[in-house]
């Protein structure tokens, strides 16, 4: 299955995170960060579920739907940071209010004083990515659900013969990739209107169901953290 809507899924994850952080504001507590972690995953998965559902039910072209939804997400973000979420002290730039400390991961240099990371904004959430990589690998390679997805991608006819649905895995595959990619939308402490489709490289990500373990998303997640 092709999914070239990664940027849109990251943007929706960022919008969900920003909504939670801005809504609670100074009333935030220890529970804000876990709630935002859940929100960024749900946002990315919901946005990816739209083309996956259209593909499974109506056999629409997921390349077109996922790509067009990226620009819908971009316009939604620009509307929010230019209107209801705009920072009143942002000198009229399309940026949201800064998130409070409870809504941010501790930075490895600024908060934990890891001197060899001086000059970067890498935060503790990078460890979540490192943990997610083997978990996703175990799911795809060692679980029955992952095996069923692999068979459905490599040999649809064999999957149907074995009684596996060749349509149902489309949603979980697409959504699992979206969840890992959405984590990239969170790191700068605020939402910025210039974060538009294509910031991650304007590349087409070809993802068969058989390779849906999100290795590309995991590598991209690790490599992009220094930019934050």
Protein backbone atom coordinates (compact mmCIF):
# COMPACT_ATOMS: atom_id res chain seq x y z
CA UNK A 1 0.00 0.00 0.00
CA UNK A 2 1.27 3.44 -0.91
CA UNK A 3 1.15 6.18 1.69
CA UNK A 4 2.52 9.57 0.66
CA UNK A 5 0.51 11.48 3.26
CA UNK A 6 3.16 11.25 5.99
CA UNK A 7 3.49 15.03 6.29
CA UNK A 8 -0.26 15.42 6.74
CA UNK A 9 -0.27 12.75 9.43
CA UNK A 10 2.55 14.53 11.24
CA UNK A 11 0.67 17.81 11.01
CA UNK A 12 -2.51 16.30 12.45
CA UNK A 13 -0.49 14.76 15.26
CA UNK A 14 0.95 18.19 15.95
CA UNK A 15 -2.51 19.78 15.88
CA UNK A 16 -3.80 17.27 18.43
CA UNK A 17 -0.77 17.92 20.66
CA UNK A 18 -1.15 21.67 20.34
CA UNK A 19 -4.85 21.52 21.11
CA UNK A 20 -4.22 19.61 24.33
CA UNK A 21 -1.35 21.86 25.45
CA UNK A 22 -3.18 25.10 24.66
CA UNK A 23 -6.50 23.96 26.12
CA UNK A 24 -5.10 23.06 29.54
CA UNK A 25 -2.39 25.75 29.64
CA UNK A 26 -1.36 26.61 33.19
CA UNK A 27 -3.78 24.00 34.54
CA UNK A 28 -1.51 21.29 33.15
CA UNK A 29 0.04 18.68 35.41
CA UNK A 30 2.01 15.45 35.31
CA UNK A 31 -0.78 13.86 33.28
CA UNK A 32 -0.47 16.35 30.40
CA UNK A 33 2.55 14.72 28.78
CA UNK A 34 1.03 11.19 28.62
CA UNK A 35 -2.19 12.68 27.29
CA UNK A 36 -0.28 14.52 24.57
CA UNK A 37 1.60 11.34 23.70
CA UNK A 38 -1.72 9.62 23.19
CA UNK A 39 -3.05 12.57 21.23
CA UNK A 40 -0.18 12.67 18.74
CA UNK A 41 -0.67 8.98 17.98
CA UNK A 42 -4.43 9.25 17.64
CA UNK A 43 -4.16 12.30 15.37
CA UNK A 44 -1.78 10.63 12.95
CA UNK A 45 -3.74 7.38 12.94
CA UNK A 46 -7.07 9.08 12.30
CA UNK A 47 -5.70 11.02 9.35
CA UNK A 48 -4.18 7.87 7.86
CA UNK A 49 -7.40 5.94 8.48
CA UNK A 50 -9.27 8.08 5.93
CA UNK A 51 -7.36 6.93 2.80
CA UNK A 52 -7.08 3.41 4.25
CA UNK A 53 -10.86 3.23 4.71
CA UNK A 54 -11.52 4.64 1.24
CA UNK A 55 -9.09 2.12 -0.25
CA UNK A 56 -10.62 -0.83 1.57
CA UNK A 57 -14.27 0.07 1.00
CA UNK A 58 -14.28 1.82 -2.37
CA UNK A 59 -10.91 0.86 -3.90
CA UNK A 60 -9.97 4.52 -4.30
CA UNK A 61 -6.40 5.46 -5.19
CA UNK A 62 -4.65 5.91 -1.85
CA UNK A 63 -1.85 7.89 -3.50
CA UNK A 64 -4.25 10.66 -4.45
CA UNK A 65 -6.31 10.66 -1.24
CA UNK A 66 -3.34 10.60 1.14
CA UNK A 67 -1.58 13.34 -0.84
CA UNK A 68 -4.63 15.62 -1.01
CA UNK A 69 -5.29 15.18 2.70
CA UNK A 70 -1.77 16.49 3.36
CA UNK A 71 -2.77 19.88 1.97
CA UNK A 72 -6.02 19.81 3.92
CA UNK A 73 -4.00 19.28 7.11
CA UNK A 74 -1.62 22.09 6.13
CA UNK A 75 -4.46 24.56 5.67
CA UNK A 76 -6.01 23.47 8.95
CA UNK A 77 -2.75 24.17 10.78
CA UNK A 78 -2.30 27.56 9.11
CA UNK A 79 -5.87 28.51 10.04
CA UNK A 80 -5.36 27.59 13.69
CA UNK A 81 -2.03 29.38 14.20
CA UNK A 82 -3.25 32.41 12.26
CA UNK A 83 -6.55 32.62 14.14
CA UNK A 84 -7.79 31.01 17.36
CA UNK A 85 -4.41 29.66 18.50
CA UNK A 86 -2.23 32.62 17.50
CA UNK A 87 0.18 33.87 20.15
CA UNK A 88 -0.94 37.41 21.09
CA UNK A 89 2.71 38.25 21.79
CA UNK A 90 4.00 36.66 18.59
CA UNK A 91 4.37 39.93 16.66
CA UNK A 92 1.64 38.84 14.26
CA UNK A 93 3.57 35.77 13.08
CA UNK A 94 1.55 32.57 12.47
CA UNK A 95 2.70 30.79 15.63
CA UNK A 96 0.85 29.39 18.60
CA UNK A 97 1.44 30.12 22.24
CA UNK A 98 4.41 28.40 23.84
CA UNK A 99 3.57 25.18 25.64
CA UNK A 100 4.04 25.12 29.39
CA UNK A 101 6.85 23.08 30.93
CA UNK A 102 4.49 20.24 31.89
CA UNK A 103 3.72 19.78 28.18
CA UNK A 104 7.36 19.38 27.15
CA UNK A 105 9.86 16.56 27.43
CA UNK A 106 13.02 17.47 29.35
CA UNK A 107 15.90 18.42 27.07
CA UNK A 108 19.00 16.30 27.39
CA UNK A 109 21.32 19.29 27.48
CA UNK A 110 19.21 22.09 28.91
CA UNK A 111 17.54 20.08 31.68
CA UNK A 112 19.77 17.04 32.18
CA UNK A 113 23.05 18.84 31.34
CA UNK A 114 24.43 16.27 28.91
CA UNK A 115 27.32 18.45 27.79
CA UNK A 116 28.14 16.48 24.63
CA UNK A 117 24.74 17.49 23.26
CA UNK A 118 25.38 21.19 23.68
CA UNK A 119 23.76 23.23 20.93
CA UNK A 120 20.96 20.78 20.28
CA UNK A 121 17.37 20.60 21.45
CA UNK A 122 17.16 16.81 21.62
CA UNK A 123 14.75 15.81 24.37
CA UNK A 124 13.95 12.67 26.31
CA UNK A 125 11.32 11.51 23.83
CA UNK A 126 14.14 10.15 21.64
CA UNK A 127 14.23 7.19 24.02
CA UNK A 128 10.63 6.37 23.13
CA UNK A 129 11.66 6.03 19.49
CA UNK A 130 14.53 3.72 20.43
CA UNK A 131 12.11 1.55 22.41
CA UNK A 132 9.51 1.57 19.62
CA UNK A 133 11.88 0.13 16.99
CA UNK A 134 12.27 -3.38 18.52
CA UNK A 135 8.61 -3.40 19.56
CA UNK A 136 7.45 -2.77 16.00
CA UNK A 137 9.91 -5.37 14.70
CA UNK A 138 8.60 -7.97 17.16
CA UNK A 139 5.02 -7.21 16.19
CA UNK A 140 5.66 -7.50 12.45
CA UNK A 141 7.98 -10.51 12.56
CA UNK A 142 6.86 -12.55 15.56
CA UNK A 143 3.10 -12.01 15.93
CA UNK A 144 0.25 -13.63 14.01
CA UNK A 145 -1.22 -10.22 13.13
CA UNK A 146 2.10 -9.13 11.64
CA UNK A 147 2.41 -12.39 9.73
CA UNK A 148 -1.04 -11.90 8.28
CA UNK A 149 -0.09 -8.39 7.11
CA UNK A 150 3.08 -9.70 5.50
CA UNK A 151 1.27 -12.44 3.65
CA UNK A 152 -1.41 -10.01 2.50
CA UNK A 153 1.28 -7.74 1.04
CA UNK A 154 3.55 -10.35 -0.51
CA UNK A 155 0.96 -12.77 -1.86
CA UNK A 156 -2.67 -11.56 -1.86
CA UNK A 157 -3.87 -14.74 -3.58
CA UNK A 158 -2.19 -16.92 -0.96
CA UNK A 159 -3.69 -14.75 1.78
CA UNK A 160 -7.19 -15.23 0.40
CA UNK A 161 -6.59 -18.97 0.08
CA UNK A 162 -5.51 -19.07 3.74
CA UNK A 163 -8.62 -17.17 4.78
CA UNK A 164 -6.85 -13.89 5.52
CA UNK A 165 -8.56 -10.66 4.57
CA UNK A 166 -6.56 -8.71 1.99
CA UNK A 167 -8.46 -5.51 2.77
CA UNK A 168 -8.58 -5.40 6.55
CA UNK A 169 -4.78 -5.08 7.05
CA UNK A 170 -4.72 -1.84 5.06
CA UNK A 171 -5.98 0.18 7.99
CA UNK A 172 -3.62 -1.13 10.69
CA UNK A 173 -0.61 -0.94 8.37
CA UNK A 174 -1.24 2.62 7.30
CA UNK A 175 -2.18 3.73 10.81
CA UNK A 176 0.85 2.14 12.46
CA UNK A 177 3.15 4.01 10.12
CA UNK A 178 1.23 7.21 10.74
CA UNK A 179 1.55 6.83 14.50
CA UNK A 180 5.34 6.61 14.34
CA UNK A 181 5.61 9.49 11.86
CA UNK A 182 3.28 11.71 13.85
CA UNK A 183 5.79 11.78 16.70
CA UNK A 184 7.95 14.08 14.52
CA UNK A 185 5.35 16.84 14.80
CA UNK A 186 6.18 17.43 18.45
CA UNK A 187 9.37 18.94 19.70
CA UNK A 188 9.56 22.69 19.21
CA UNK A 189 7.31 23.75 22.10
CA UNK A 190 4.75 25.47 19.85
CA UNK A 191 2.99 25.15 16.50
CA UNK A 192 4.34 27.13 13.57
CA UNK A 193 2.43 28.00 10.42
CA UNK A 194 5.47 27.48 8.21
CA UNK A 195 5.51 23.75 8.99
CA UNK A 196 4.01 22.75 5.68
CA UNK A 197 3.79 19.65 3.57
CA UNK A 198 7.20 18.75 2.26
CA UNK A 199 9.38 19.90 5.17
CA UNK A 200 10.51 16.31 5.67
CA UNK A 201 11.98 16.05 2.22
CA UNK A 202 9.10 15.98 -0.28
CA UNK A 203 9.66 12.35 -0.93
CA UNK A 204 7.28 9.64 -2.02
CA UNK A 205 7.24 6.81 0.48
CA UNK A 206 6.43 3.52 -1.16
CA UNK A 207 5.22 1.11 1.45
CA UNK A 208 3.97 -2.32 0.60
CA UNK A 209 1.98 -4.06 3.27
CA UNK A 210 4.83 -6.50 3.57
CA UNK A 211 7.24 -3.74 4.67
CA UNK A 212 4.88 -1.91 6.97
CA UNK A 213 7.02 -2.28 10.08
CA UNK A 214 7.79 1.46 9.82
CA UNK A 215 11.57 1.15 9.73
CA UNK A 216 11.81 4.21 7.51
CA UNK A 217 9.67 6.19 9.95
CA UNK A 218 11.77 5.05 12.91
CA UNK A 219 15.04 6.02 11.19
CA UNK A 220 13.53 9.34 10.16
CA UNK A 221 12.38 9.96 13.72
CA UNK A 222 15.85 9.41 15.16
CA UNK A 223 17.62 11.43 12.47
CA UNK A 224 15.29 14.43 12.79
CA UNK A 225 15.54 14.89 16.55
CA UNK A 226 18.72 17.04 16.38
CA UNK A 227 16.73 19.57 14.35
CA UNK A 228 14.38 20.03 17.30
